[in-house]
Amino acid sequence: MAGRGQTQERGNASGDVKHAITMLNDRVLVHVPSAEGERRSRSGILIPATADVSKRLSWADVAGVGPHVRTLKPGDKVLFNPEECAEVEVQGEEYLILRERDVHAMASERLDGGTGLYL
């Protein structure tokens, strides 16, 4: 990614230039890894992505942040409720848009001097 809140401009084989995207206000653009859909229980049972699990939170990678987002940066991992976001397709990839206040936790390689859990 180009920097805080922006994605890079890229051209494709036909010469079309894709525009840079800047997130606004307190919005966060996240990318959910494809492996997030299916999961296994502790006993080894495969649970499909379509299974209804109430109140299950998901992890995603931050792709861009708006100018009013104070604690997140691109590359961080965030824990959020998938029911509190909007889906969008950007440059052929699926992303989610949520507000900073809808993020329950974050995991980062940055050392901010705070206390917390390590994932």
PDB file of N, CA and C in Angstrom:
ATOM      1  N   MET A   1       0.827  -1.175   0.000  1.00  0.00           N
ATOM      2  CA  MET A   1       0.000   0.000   0.000  1.00  0.00           C
ATOM      3  C   MET A   1       0.879   1.248   0.000  1.00  0.00           C
ATOM      4  N   ALA A   2       0.355   2.325  -0.504  1.00  0.00           N
ATOM      5  CA  ALA A   2       1.130   3.526  -0.692  1.00  0.00           C
ATOM      6  C   ALA A   2       1.420   4.268   0.605  1.00  0.00           C
ATOM      7  N   GLY A   3       0.534   4.242   1.551  1.00  0.00           N
ATOM      8  CA  GLY A   3       0.758   4.972   2.788  1.00  0.00           C
ATOM      9  C   GLY A   3      -0.512   5.010   3.582  1.00  0.00           C
ATOM     10  N   ARG A   4      -0.540   5.850   4.556  1.00  0.00           N
ATOM     11  CA  ARG A   4      -1.695   5.926   5.457  1.00  0.00           C
ATOM     12  C   ARG A   4      -2.955   6.261   4.671  1.00  0.00           C
ATOM     13  N   GLY A   5      -3.873   5.297   4.603  1.00  0.00           N
ATOM     14  CA  GLY A   5      -5.174   5.533   4.012  1.00  0.00           C
ATOM     15  C   GLY A   5      -5.231   5.484   2.502  1.00  0.00           C
ATOM     16  N   GLN A   6      -4.165   5.124   1.827  1.00  0.00           N
ATOM     17  CA  GLN A   6      -4.199   5.127   0.380  1.00  0.00           C
ATOM     18  C   GLN A   6      -3.755   3.789  -0.172  1.00  0.00           C
ATOM     19  N   THR A   7      -4.288   3.471  -1.351  1.00  0.00           N
ATOM     20  CA  THR A   7      -3.808   2.320  -2.086  1.00  0.00           C
ATOM     21  C   THR A   7      -3.076   2.843  -3.309  1.00  0.00           C
ATOM     22  N   GLN A   8      -2.180   2.025  -3.843  1.00  0.00           N
ATOM     23  CA  GLN A   8      -1.358   2.458  -4.966  1.00  0.00           C
ATOM     24  C   GLN A   8      -2.161   2.520  -6.261  1.00  0.00           C
ATOM     25  N   GLU A   9      -1.715   3.396  -7.171  1.00  0.00           N
ATOM     26  CA  GLU A   9      -2.248   3.390  -8.522  1.00  0.00           C
ATOM     27  C   GLU A   9      -1.511   2.330  -9.306  1.00  0.00           C
ATOM     28  N   ARG A  10      -2.267   1.519 -10.041  1.00  0.00           N
ATOM     29  CA  ARG A  10      -1.648   0.487 -10.858  1.00  0.00           C
ATOM     30  C   ARG A  10      -2.319   0.475 -12.222  1.00  0.00           C
ATOM     31  N   GLY A  11      -1.550   0.180 -13.199  1.00  0.00           N
ATOM     32  CA  GLY A  11      -2.096   0.004 -14.535  1.00  0.00           C
ATOM     33  C   GLY A  11      -2.267  -1.471 -14.816  1.00  0.00           C
ATOM     34  N   ASN A  12      -3.077  -1.790 -15.808  1.00  0.00           N
ATOM     35  CA  ASN A  12      -3.205  -3.193 -16.191  1.00  0.00           C
ATOM     36  C   ASN A  12      -2.792  -3.353 -17.642  1.00  0.00           C
ATOM     37  N   ALA A  13      -2.936  -4.532 -18.197  1.00  0.00           N
ATOM     38  CA  ALA A  13      -2.458  -4.827 -19.548  1.00  0.00           C
ATOM     39  C   ALA A  13      -3.123  -3.949 -20.602  1.00  0.00           C
ATOM     40  N   SER A  14      -4.369  -3.523 -20.383  1.00  0.00           N
ATOM     41  CA  SER A  14      -5.051  -2.711 -21.382  1.00  0.00           C
ATOM     42  C   SER A  14      -4.712  -1.231 -21.261  1.00  0.00           C
ATOM     43  N   GLY A  15      -3.881  -0.850 -20.281  1.00  0.00           N
ATOM     44  CA  GLY A  15      -3.457   0.537 -20.149  1.00  0.00           C
ATOM     45  C   GLY A  15      -4.340   1.370 -19.244  1.00  0.00           C
ATOM     46  N   ASP A  16      -5.422   0.793 -18.685  1.00  0.00           N
ATOM     47  CA  ASP A  16      -6.284   1.537 -17.776  1.00  0.00           C
ATOM     48  C   ASP A  16      -5.551   1.778 -16.467  1.00  0.00           C
ATOM     49  N   VAL A  17      -5.645   2.997 -15.940  1.00  0.00           N
ATOM     50  CA  VAL A  17      -5.018   3.320 -14.669  1.00  0.00           C
ATOM     51  C   VAL A  17      -6.076   3.207 -13.588  1.00  0.00           C
ATOM     52  N   LYS A  18      -5.754   2.498 -12.524  1.00  0.00           N
ATOM     53  CA  LYS A  18      -6.668   2.375 -11.395  1.00  0.00           C
ATOM     54  C   LYS A  18      -6.364   3.510 -10.428  1.00  0.00           C
ATOM     55  N   HIS A  19      -7.390   4.145  -9.914  1.00  0.00           N
ATOM     56  CA  HIS A  19      -7.236   5.319  -9.068  1.00  0.00           C
ATOM     57  C   HIS A  19      -6.879   4.941  -7.637  1.00  0.00           C
ATOM     58  N   ALA A  20      -6.144   5.829  -6.993  1.00  0.00           N
ATOM     59  CA  ALA A  20      -5.803   5.644  -5.583  1.00  0.00           C
ATOM     60  C   ALA A  20      -7.059   5.854  -4.744  1.00  0.00           C
ATOM     61  N   ILE A  21      -7.160   5.121  -3.665  1.00  0.00           N
ATOM     62  CA  ILE A  21      -8.317   5.215  -2.788  1.00  0.00           C
ATOM     63  C   ILE A  21      -7.863   5.798  -1.464  1.00  0.00           C
ATOM     64  N   THR A  22      -8.591   6.805  -0.988  1.00  0.00           N
ATOM     65  CA  THR A  22      -8.312   7.408   0.299  1.00  0.00           C
ATOM     66  C   THR A  22      -9.528   7.198   1.189  1.00  0.00           C
ATOM     67  N   MET A  23      -9.316   6.590   2.333  1.00  0.00           N
ATOM     68  CA  MET A  23     -10.410   6.389   3.285  1.00  0.00           C
ATOM     69  C   MET A  23     -10.706   7.723   3.965  1.00  0.00           C
ATOM     70  N   LEU A  24     -11.962   7.947   4.320  1.00  0.00           N
ATOM     71  CA  LEU A  24     -12.378   9.198   4.933  1.00  0.00           C
ATOM     72  C   LEU A  24     -12.747   9.008   6.398  1.00  0.00           C
ATOM     73  N   ASN A  25     -12.643  10.068   7.156  1.00  0.00           N
ATOM     74  CA  ASN A  25     -13.057  10.139   8.559  1.00  0.00           C
ATOM     75  C   ASN A  25     -12.476   9.014   9.405  1.00  0.00           C
ATOM     76  N   ASP A  26     -13.340   8.269  10.091  1.00  0.00           N
ATOM     77  CA  ASP A  26     -12.871   7.218  11.008  1.00  0.00           C
ATOM     78  C   ASP A  26     -13.045   5.832  10.396  1.00  0.00           C
ATOM     79  N   ARG A  27     -13.067   5.740   9.070  1.00  0.00           N
ATOM     80  CA  ARG A  27     -13.292   4.461   8.403  1.00  0.00           C
ATOM     81  C   ARG A  27     -11.988   3.673   8.256  1.00  0.00           C
ATOM     82  N   VAL A  28     -12.134   2.346   8.326  1.00  0.00           N
ATOM     83  CA  VAL A  28     -11.010   1.423   8.205  1.00  0.00           C
ATOM     84  C   VAL A  28     -11.342   0.429   7.106  1.00  0.00           C
ATOM     85  N   LEU A  29     -10.432   0.239   6.163  1.00  0.00           N
ATOM     86  CA  LEU A  29     -10.586  -0.735   5.085  1.00  0.00           C
ATOM     87  C   LEU A  29      -9.797  -1.972   5.473  1.00  0.00           C
ATOM     88  N   VAL A  30     -10.485  -3.125   5.565  1.00  0.00           N
ATOM     89  CA  VAL A  30      -9.824  -4.354   5.985  1.00  0.00           C
ATOM     90  C   VAL A  30     -10.011  -5.442   4.947  1.00  0.00           C
ATOM     91  N   HIS A  31      -9.049  -6.347   4.896  1.00  0.00           N
ATOM     92  CA  HIS A  31      -9.079  -7.487   3.989  1.00  0.00           C
ATOM     93  C   HIS A  31      -9.108  -8.750   4.838  1.00  0.00           C
ATOM     94  N   VAL A  32     -10.159  -9.562   4.670  1.00  0.00           N
ATOM     95  CA  VAL A  32     -10.285 -10.806   5.425  1.00  0.00           C
ATOM     96  C   VAL A  32      -9.558 -11.898   4.660  1.00  0.00           C
ATOM     97  N   PRO A  33      -8.617 -12.586   5.280  1.00  0.00           N
ATOM     98  CA  PRO A  33      -7.915 -13.676   4.589  1.00  0.00           C
ATOM     99  C   PRO A  33      -8.893 -14.746   4.127  1.00  0.00           C
ATOM    100  N   SER A  34      -8.622 -15.371   2.993  1.00  0.00           N
ATOM    101  CA  SER A  34      -9.536 -16.367   2.430  1.00  0.00           C
ATOM    102  C   SER A  34      -9.669 -17.583   3.330  1.00  0.00           C
ATOM    103  N   ALA A  35      -8.673 -17.905   4.118  1.00  0.00           N
ATOM    104  CA  ALA A  35      -8.727 -19.061   5.014  1.00  0.00           C
ATOM    105  C   ALA A  35      -9.648 -18.820   6.198  1.00  0.00           C
ATOM    106  N   GLU A  36     -10.139 -17.605   6.365  1.00  0.00           N
ATOM    107  CA  GLU A  36     -10.984 -17.257   7.496  1.00  0.00           C
ATOM    108  C   GLU A  36     -12.359 -17.912   7.404  1.00  0.00           C
ATOM    109  N   GLY A  37     -12.791 -18.299   6.199  1.00  0.00           N
ATOM    110  CA  GLY A  37     -14.121 -18.852   6.019  1.00  0.00           C
ATOM    111  C   GLY A  37     -14.327 -20.169   6.730  1.00  0.00           C
ATOM    112  N   GLU A  38     -13.618 -21.208   6.330  1.00  0.00           N
ATOM    113  CA  GLU A  38     -13.757 -22.510   6.966  1.00  0.00           C
ATOM    114  C   GLU A  38     -12.822 -22.599   8.158  1.00  0.00           C
ATOM    115  N   ARG A  39     -13.238 -23.341   9.156  1.00  0.00           N
ATOM    116  CA  ARG A  39     -12.397 -23.526  10.331  1.00  0.00           C
ATOM    117  C   ARG A  39     -12.660 -24.911  10.911  1.00  0.00           C
ATOM    118  N   ARG A  40     -11.803 -25.335  11.802  1.00  0.00           N
ATOM    119  CA  ARG A  40     -11.935 -26.642  12.449  1.00  0.00           C
ATOM    120  C   ARG A  40     -12.192 -26.454  13.939  1.00  0.00           C
ATOM    121  N   SER A  41     -13.024 -27.316  14.473  1.00  0.00           N
ATOM    122  CA  SER A  41     -13.252 -27.307  15.913  1.00  0.00           C
ATOM    123  C   SER A  41     -12.055 -27.969  16.596  1.00  0.00           C
ATOM    124  N   ARG A  42     -12.018 -27.919  17.915  1.00  0.00           N
ATOM    125  CA  ARG A  42     -10.910 -28.530  18.648  1.00  0.00           C
ATOM    126  C   ARG A  42     -10.861 -30.037  18.435  1.00  0.00           C
ATOM    127  N   SER A  43     -12.000 -30.635  18.181  1.00  0.00           N
ATOM    128  CA  SER A  43     -12.033 -32.082  17.958  1.00  0.00           C
ATOM    129  C   SER A  43     -11.756 -32.458  16.509  1.00  0.00           C
ATOM    130  N   GLY A  44     -11.543 -31.466  15.634  1.00  0.00           N
ATOM    131  CA  GLY A  44     -11.184 -31.742  14.254  1.00  0.00           C
ATOM    132  C   GLY A  44     -12.329 -31.695  13.264  1.00  0.00           C
ATOM    133  N   ILE A  45     -13.521 -31.313  13.701  1.00  0.00           N
ATOM    134  CA  ILE A  45     -14.670 -31.233  12.798  1.00  0.00           C
ATOM    135  C   ILE A  45     -14.560 -29.967  11.956  1.00  0.00           C
ATOM    136  N   LEU A  46     -14.721 -30.108  10.634  1.00  0.00           N
ATOM    137  CA  LEU A  46     -14.656 -28.972   9.720  1.00  0.00           C
ATOM    138  C   LEU A  46     -15.974 -28.210   9.775  1.00  0.00           C
ATOM    139  N   ILE A  47     -15.895 -26.901  10.063  1.00  0.00           N
ATOM    140  CA  ILE A  47     -17.087 -26.047  10.133  1.00  0.00           C
ATOM    141  C   ILE A  47     -17.062 -25.148   8.897  1.00  0.00           C
ATOM    142  N   PRO A  48     -18.052 -25.280   7.987  1.00  0.00           N
ATOM    143  CA  PRO A  48     -18.037 -24.473   6.759  1.00  0.00           C
ATOM    144  C   PRO A  48     -18.294 -22.995   7.044  1.00  0.00           C
ATOM    145  N   ALA A  49     -17.905 -22.151   6.100  1.00  0.00           N
ATOM    146  CA  ALA A  49     -18.061 -20.708   6.257  1.00  0.00           C
ATOM    147  C   ALA A  49     -19.524 -20.309   6.337  1.00  0.00           C
ATOM    148  N   THR A  50     -20.413 -21.120   5.774  1.00  0.00           N
ATOM    149  CA  THR A  50     -21.831 -20.782   5.755  1.00  0.00           C
ATOM    150  C   THR A  50     -22.550 -21.153   7.043  1.00  0.00           C
ATOM    151  N   ALA A  51     -21.875 -21.827   7.978  1.00  0.00           N
ATOM    152  CA  ALA A  51     -22.501 -22.214   9.245  1.00  0.00           C
ATOM    153  C   ALA A  51     -22.836 -20.969  10.057  1.00  0.00           C
ATOM    154  N   ASP A  52     -24.007 -20.970  10.663  1.00  0.00           N
ATOM    155  CA  ASP A  52     -24.452 -19.831  11.461  1.00  0.00           C
ATOM    156  C   ASP A  52     -23.896 -19.944  12.871  1.00  0.00           C
ATOM    157  N   VAL A  53     -22.942 -19.090  13.187  1.00  0.00           N
ATOM    158  CA  VAL A  53     -22.361 -19.057  14.525  1.00  0.00           C
ATOM    159  C   VAL A  53     -22.657 -17.674  15.077  1.00  0.00           C
ATOM    160  N   SER A  54     -23.486 -17.635  16.132  1.00  0.00           N
ATOM    161  CA  SER A  54     -23.896 -16.335  16.657  1.00  0.00           C
ATOM    162  C   SER A  54     -22.747 -15.632  17.364  1.00  0.00           C
ATOM    163  N   LYS A  55     -22.657 -14.358  17.153  1.00  0.00           N
ATOM    164  CA  LYS A  55     -21.691 -13.486  17.828  1.00  0.00           C
ATOM    165  C   LYS A  55     -20.241 -13.908  17.665  1.00  0.00           C
ATOM    166  N   ARG A  56     -19.880 -14.464  16.522  1.00  0.00           N
ATOM    167  CA  ARG A  56     -18.480 -14.841  16.291  1.00  0.00           C
ATOM    168  C   ARG A  56     -17.739 -13.655  15.690  1.00  0.00           C
ATOM    169  N   LEU A  57     -16.653 -13.249  16.310  1.00  0.00           N
ATOM    170  CA  LEU A  57     -15.834 -12.149  15.814  1.00  0.00           C
ATOM    171  C   LEU A  57     -14.797 -12.689  14.840  1.00  0.00           C
ATOM    172  N   SER A  58     -14.313 -11.837  13.938  1.00  0.00           N
ATOM    173  CA  SER A  58     -13.339 -12.242  12.913  1.00  0.00           C
ATOM    174  C   SER A  58     -12.107 -11.360  12.967  1.00  0.00           C
ATOM    175  N   TRP A  59     -10.986 -11.918  12.505  1.00  0.00           N
ATOM    176  CA  TRP A  59      -9.733 -11.171  12.357  1.00  0.00           C
ATOM    177  C   TRP A  59      -9.571 -10.776  10.899  1.00  0.00           C
ATOM    178  N   ALA A  60      -9.002  -9.602  10.654  1.00  0.00           N
ATOM    179  CA  ALA A  60      -8.731  -9.141   9.298  1.00  0.00           C
ATOM    180  C   ALA A  60      -7.491  -8.246   9.319  1.00  0.00           C
ATOM    181  N   ASP A  61      -6.898  -8.058   8.143  1.00  0.00           N
ATOM    182  CA  ASP A  61      -5.722  -7.205   7.994  1.00  0.00           C
ATOM    183  C   ASP A  61      -6.153  -5.812   7.551  1.00  0.00           C
ATOM    184  N   VAL A  62      -5.615  -4.783   8.177  1.00  0.00           N
ATOM    185  CA  VAL A  62      -5.936  -3.397   7.822  1.00  0.00           C
ATOM    186  C   VAL A  62      -5.225  -3.052   6.521  1.00  0.00           C
ATOM    187  N   ALA A  63      -5.992  -2.596   5.534  1.00  0.00           N
ATOM    188  CA  ALA A  63      -5.432  -2.207   4.248  1.00  0.00           C
ATOM    189  C   ALA A  63      -5.312  -0.692   4.117  1.00  0.00           C
ATOM    190  N   GLY A  64      -6.186   0.052   4.785  1.00  0.00           N
ATOM    191  CA  GLY A  64      -6.137   1.505   4.723  1.00  0.00           C
ATOM    192  C   GLY A  64      -6.955   2.097   5.849  1.00  0.00           C
ATOM    193  N   VAL A  65      -6.618   3.311   6.266  1.00  0.00           N
ATOM    194  CA  VAL A  65      -7.331   3.986   7.342  1.00  0.00           C
ATOM    195  C   VAL A  65      -7.592   5.436   6.960  1.00  0.00           C
ATOM    196  N   GLY A  66      -8.661   5.996   7.521  1.00  0.00           N
ATOM    197  CA  GLY A  66      -8.990   7.392   7.296  1.00  0.00           C
ATOM    198  C   GLY A  66      -8.155   8.313   8.171  1.00  0.00           C
ATOM    199  N   PRO A  67      -8.217   9.620   7.925  1.00  0.00           N
ATOM    200  CA  PRO A  67      -7.373  10.575   8.656  1.00  0.00           C
ATOM    201  C   PRO A  67      -7.716  10.716  10.137  1.00  0.00           C
ATOM    202  N   HIS A  68      -8.928  10.331  10.551  1.00  0.00           N
ATOM    203  CA  HIS A  68      -9.324  10.471  11.953  1.00  0.00           C
ATOM    204  C   HIS A  68      -9.144   9.183  12.747  1.00  0.00           C
ATOM    205  N   VAL A  69      -8.550   8.166  12.142  1.00  0.00           N
ATOM    206  CA  VAL A  69      -8.258   6.920  12.854  1.00  0.00           C
ATOM    207  C   VAL A  69      -6.964   7.134  13.614  1.00  0.00           C
ATOM    208  N   ARG A  70      -7.008   6.928  14.939  1.00  0.00           N
ATOM    209  CA  ARG A  70      -5.857   7.264  15.775  1.00  0.00           C
ATOM    210  C   ARG A  70      -4.971   6.078  16.119  1.00  0.00           C
ATOM    211  N   THR A  71      -5.528   4.876  16.223  1.00  0.00           N
ATOM    212  CA  THR A  71      -4.744   3.772  16.767  1.00  0.00           C
ATOM    213  C   THR A  71      -4.326   2.720  15.757  1.00  0.00           C
ATOM    214  N   LEU A  72      -4.914   2.690  14.581  1.00  0.00           N
ATOM    215  CA  LEU A  72      -4.632   1.641  13.604  1.00  0.00           C
ATOM    216  C   LEU A  72      -3.779   2.159  12.470  1.00  0.00           C
ATOM    217  N   LYS A  73      -2.995   1.255  11.911  1.00  0.00           N
ATOM    218  CA  LYS A  73      -2.177   1.565  10.736  1.00  0.00           C
ATOM    219  C   LYS A  73      -2.286   0.394   9.771  1.00  0.00           C
ATOM    220  N   PRO A  74      -2.076   0.632   8.470  1.00  0.00           N
ATOM    221  CA  PRO A  74      -2.088  -0.480   7.513  1.00  0.00           C
ATOM    222  C   PRO A  74      -1.074  -1.550   7.931  1.00  0.00           C
ATOM    223  N   GLY A  75      -1.500  -2.802   7.858  1.00  0.00           N
ATOM    224  CA  GLY A  75      -0.655  -3.917   8.250  1.00  0.00           C
ATOM    225  C   GLY A  75      -1.038  -4.507   9.599  1.00  0.00           C
ATOM    226  N   ASP A  76      -1.782  -3.752  10.419  1.00  0.00           N
ATOM    227  CA  ASP A  76      -2.248  -4.276  11.702  1.00  0.00           C
ATOM    228  C   ASP A  76      -3.332  -5.324  11.457  1.00  0.00           C
ATOM    229  N   LYS A  77      -3.568  -6.182  12.434  1.00  0.00           N
ATOM    230  CA  LYS A  77      -4.673  -7.134  12.402  1.00  0.00           C
ATOM    231  C   LYS A  77      -5.715  -6.645  13.402  1.00  0.00           C
ATOM    232  N   VAL A  78      -6.998  -6.683  13.008  1.00  0.00           N
ATOM    233  CA  VAL A  78      -8.063  -6.212  13.879  1.00  0.00           C
ATOM    234  C   VAL A  78      -9.113  -7.295  14.090  1.00  0.00           C
ATOM    235  N   LEU A  79      -9.738  -7.262  15.257  1.00  0.00           N
ATOM    236  CA  LEU A  79     -10.819  -8.161  15.623  1.00  0.00           C
ATOM    237  C   LEU A  79     -12.108  -7.350  15.597  1.00  0.00           C
ATOM    238  N   PHE A  80     -13.106  -7.819  14.848  1.00  0.00           N
ATOM    239  CA  PHE A  80     -14.331  -7.052  14.672  1.00  0.00           C
ATOM    240  C   PHE A  80     -15.517  -7.994  14.488  1.00  0.00           C
ATOM    241  N   ASN A  81     -16.712  -7.443  14.583  1.00  0.00           N
ATOM    242  CA  ASN A  81     -17.945  -8.182  14.343  1.00  0.00           C
ATOM    243  C   ASN A  81     -18.311  -8.033  12.864  1.00  0.00           C
ATOM    244  N   PRO A  82     -18.369  -9.125  12.103  1.00  0.00           N
ATOM    245  CA  PRO A  82     -18.669  -9.021  10.671  1.00  0.00           C
ATOM    246  C   PRO A  82     -20.048  -8.451  10.363  1.00  0.00           C
ATOM    247  N   GLU A  83     -20.944  -8.430  11.345  1.00  0.00           N
ATOM    248  CA  GLU A  83     -22.280  -7.881  11.124  1.00  0.00           C
ATOM    249  C   GLU A  83     -22.295  -6.360  11.182  1.00  0.00           C
ATOM    250  N   GLU A  84     -21.212  -5.726  11.608  1.00  0.00           N
ATOM    251  CA  GLU A  84     -21.148  -4.272  11.765  1.00  0.00           C
ATOM    252  C   GLU A  84     -20.278  -3.616  10.700  1.00  0.00           C
ATOM    253  N   CYS A  85     -20.289  -4.139   9.487  1.00  0.00           N
ATOM    254  CA  CYS A  85     -19.441  -3.568   8.438  1.00  0.00           C
ATOM    255  C   CYS A  85     -20.141  -3.675   7.084  1.00  0.00           C
ATOM    256  N   ALA A  86     -19.542  -3.043   6.098  1.00  0.00           N
ATOM    257  CA  ALA A  86     -20.056  -3.068   4.730  1.00  0.00           C
ATOM    258  C   ALA A  86     -19.029  -3.734   3.823  1.00  0.00           C
ATOM    259  N   GLU A  87     -19.500  -4.539   2.880  1.00  0.00           N
ATOM    260  CA  GLU A  87     -18.607  -5.200   1.931  1.00  0.00           C
ATOM    261  C   GLU A  87     -18.431  -4.323   0.700  1.00  0.00           C
ATOM    262  N   VAL A  88     -17.224  -4.371   0.128  1.00  0.00           N
ATOM    263  CA  VAL A  88     -16.943  -3.610  -1.084  1.00  0.00           C
ATOM    264  C   VAL A  88     -15.889  -4.356  -1.895  1.00  0.00           C
ATOM    265  N   GLU A  89     -15.962  -4.223  -3.210  1.00  0.00           N
ATOM    266  CA  GLU A  89     -14.952  -4.803  -4.084  1.00  0.00           C
ATOM    267  C   GLU A  89     -14.070  -3.675  -4.597  1.00  0.00           C
ATOM    268  N   VAL A  90     -12.775  -3.798  -4.353  1.00  0.00           N
ATOM    269  CA  VAL A  90     -11.810  -2.785  -4.782  1.00  0.00           C
ATOM    270  C   VAL A  90     -10.752  -3.471  -5.632  1.00  0.00           C
ATOM    271  N   GLN A  91     -10.612  -3.027  -6.863  1.00  0.00           N
ATOM    272  CA  GLN A  91      -9.613  -3.555  -7.786  1.00  0.00           C
ATOM    273  C   GLN A  91      -9.667  -5.077  -7.866  1.00  0.00           C
ATOM    274  N   GLY A  92     -10.880  -5.618  -7.900  1.00  0.00           N
ATOM    275  CA  GLY A  92     -11.071  -7.050  -8.066  1.00  0.00           C
ATOM    276  C   GLY A  92     -10.935  -7.875  -6.802  1.00  0.00           C
ATOM    277  N   GLU A  93     -10.721  -7.263  -5.642  1.00  0.00           N
ATOM    278  CA  GLU A  93     -10.597  -7.978  -4.379  1.00  0.00           C
ATOM    279  C   GLU A  93     -11.690  -7.531  -3.419  1.00  0.00           C
ATOM    280  N   GLU A  94     -12.128  -8.452  -2.559  1.00  0.00           N
ATOM    281  CA  GLU A  94     -13.174  -8.164  -1.583  1.00  0.00           C
ATOM    282  C   GLU A  94     -12.573  -7.559  -0.314  1.00  0.00           C
ATOM    283  N   TYR A  95     -13.150  -6.451   0.136  1.00  0.00           N
ATOM    284  CA  TYR A  95     -12.732  -5.776   1.359  1.00  0.00           C
ATOM    285  C   TYR A  95     -13.963  -5.476   2.200  1.00  0.00           C
ATOM    286  N   LEU A  96     -13.737  -5.104   3.439  1.00  0.00           N
ATOM    287  CA  LEU A  96     -14.794  -4.665   4.332  1.00  0.00           C
ATOM    288  C   LEU A  96     -14.459  -3.268   4.822  1.00  0.00           C
ATOM    289  N   ILE A  97     -15.479  -2.449   5.024  1.00  0.00           N
ATOM    290  CA  ILE A  97     -15.297  -1.103   5.575  1.00  0.00           C
ATOM    291  C   ILE A  97     -16.003  -1.060   6.917  1.00  0.00           C
ATOM    292  N   LEU A  98     -15.277  -0.623   7.947  1.00  0.00           N
ATOM    293  CA  LEU A  98     -15.875  -0.475   9.260  1.00  0.00           C
ATOM    294  C   LEU A  98     -15.345   0.777   9.920  1.00  0.00           C
ATOM    295  N   ARG A  99     -15.968   1.158  11.015  1.00  0.00           N
ATOM    296  CA  ARG A  99     -15.523   2.320  11.770  1.00  0.00           C
ATOM    297  C   ARG A  99     -14.509   1.895  12.818  1.00  0.00           C
ATOM    298  N   GLU A 100     -13.652   2.829  13.201  1.00  0.00           N
ATOM    299  CA  GLU A 100     -12.645   2.509  14.212  1.00  0.00           C
ATOM    300  C   GLU A 100     -13.307   2.064  15.510  1.00  0.00           C
ATOM    301  N   ARG A 101     -14.425   2.638  15.866  1.00  0.00           N
ATOM    302  CA  ARG A 101     -15.089   2.274  17.121  1.00  0.00           C
ATOM    303  C   ARG A 101     -15.675   0.867  17.095  1.00  0.00           C
ATOM    304  N   ASP A 102     -15.816   0.255  15.908  1.00  0.00           N
ATOM    305  CA  ASP A 102     -16.319  -1.110  15.792  1.00  0.00           C
ATOM    306  C   ASP A 102     -15.222  -2.156  15.919  1.00  0.00           C
ATOM    307  N   VAL A 103     -13.979  -1.726  16.063  1.00  0.00           N
ATOM    308  CA  VAL A 103     -12.859  -2.650  16.242  1.00  0.00           C
ATOM    309  C   VAL A 103     -12.757  -2.998  17.719  1.00  0.00           C
ATOM    310  N   HIS A 104     -12.768  -4.290  18.041  1.00  0.00           N
ATOM    311  CA  HIS A 104     -12.723  -4.741  19.429  1.00  0.00           C
ATOM    312  C   HIS A 104     -11.298  -4.892  19.951  1.00  0.00           C
ATOM    313  N   ALA A 105     -10.359  -5.267  19.077  1.00  0.00           N
ATOM    314  CA  ALA A 105      -8.966  -5.457  19.484  1.00  0.00           C
ATOM    315  C   ALA A 105      -8.078  -5.354  18.252  1.00  0.00           C
ATOM    316  N   MET A 106      -6.779  -5.165  18.497  1.00  0.00           N
ATOM    317  CA  MET A 106      -5.828  -5.140  17.395  1.00  0.00           C
ATOM    318  C   MET A 106      -4.577  -5.902  17.781  1.00  0.00           C
ATOM    319  N   ALA A 107      -3.921  -6.445  16.775  1.00  0.00           N
ATOM    320  CA  ALA A 107      -2.638  -7.114  16.954  1.00  0.00           C
ATOM    321  C   ALA A 107      -1.673  -6.435  15.995  1.00  0.00           C
ATOM    322  N   SER A 108      -0.511  -6.050  16.516  1.00  0.00           N
ATOM    323  CA  SER A 108       0.442  -5.305  15.712  1.00  0.00           C
ATOM    324  C   SER A 108       1.851  -5.712  16.080  1.00  0.00           C
ATOM    325  N   GLU A 109       2.763  -5.602  15.130  1.00  0.00           N
ATOM    326  CA  GLU A 109       4.176  -5.854  15.406  1.00  0.00           C
ATOM    327  C   GLU A 109       4.840  -4.625  15.999  1.00  0.00           C
ATOM    328  N   ARG A 110       4.151  -3.474  15.957  1.00  0.00           N
ATOM    329  CA  ARG A 110       4.699  -2.249  16.519  1.00  0.00           C
ATOM    330  C   ARG A 110       4.715  -2.335  18.029  1.00  0.00           C
ATOM    331  N   LEU A 111       5.720  -1.765  18.646  1.00  0.00           N
ATOM    332  CA  LEU A 111       5.797  -1.701  20.097  1.00  0.00           C
ATOM    333  C   LEU A 111       5.327  -0.319  20.532  1.00  0.00           C
ATOM    334  N   ASP A 112       4.119  -0.257  21.080  1.00  0.00           N
ATOM    335  CA  ASP A 112       3.575   1.024  21.506  1.00  0.00           C
ATOM    336  C   ASP A 112       3.765   1.293  22.990  1.00  0.00           C
ATOM    337  N   GLY A 113       4.426   0.358  23.682  1.00  0.00           N
ATOM    338  CA  GLY A 113       4.670   0.559  25.095  1.00  0.00           C
ATOM    339  C   GLY A 113       3.497   0.196  25.981  1.00  0.00           C
ATOM    340  N   GLY A 114       2.375  -0.260  25.391  1.00  0.00           N
ATOM    341  CA  GLY A 114       1.217  -0.612  26.189  1.00  0.00           C
ATOM    342  C   GLY A 114       1.294  -2.055  26.650  1.00  0.00           C
ATOM    343  N   THR A 115       0.406  -2.390  27.549  1.00  0.00           N
ATOM    344  CA  THR A 115       0.327  -3.766  28.002  1.00  0.00           C
ATOM    345  C   THR A 115      -0.769  -4.462  27.221  1.00  0.00           C
ATOM    346  N   GLY A 116      -0.683  -5.762  27.102  1.00  0.00           N
ATOM    347  CA  GLY A 116      -1.713  -6.492  26.385  1.00  0.00           C
ATOM    348  C   GLY A 116      -1.288  -7.909  26.134  1.00  0.00           C
ATOM    349  N   LEU A 117      -2.103  -8.596  25.380  1.00  0.00           N
ATOM    350  CA  LEU A 117      -1.841  -9.983  25.050  1.00  0.00           C
ATOM    351  C   LEU A 117      -1.029 -10.075  23.770  1.00  0.00           C
ATOM    352  N   TYR A 118      -0.299 -11.151  23.618  1.00  0.00           N
ATOM    353  CA  TYR A 118       0.470 -11.362  22.401  1.00  0.00           C
ATOM    354  C   TYR A 118      -0.130 -12.537  21.662  1.00  0.00           C
ATOM    355  N   LEU A 119      -0.400 -12.348  20.372  1.00  0.00           N
ATOM    356  CA  LEU A 119      -0.999 -13.406  19.558  1.00  0.00           C
ATOM    357  C   LEU A 119       0.024 -14.056  18.682  1.00  0.00           C
TER     358      LEU A 119
END
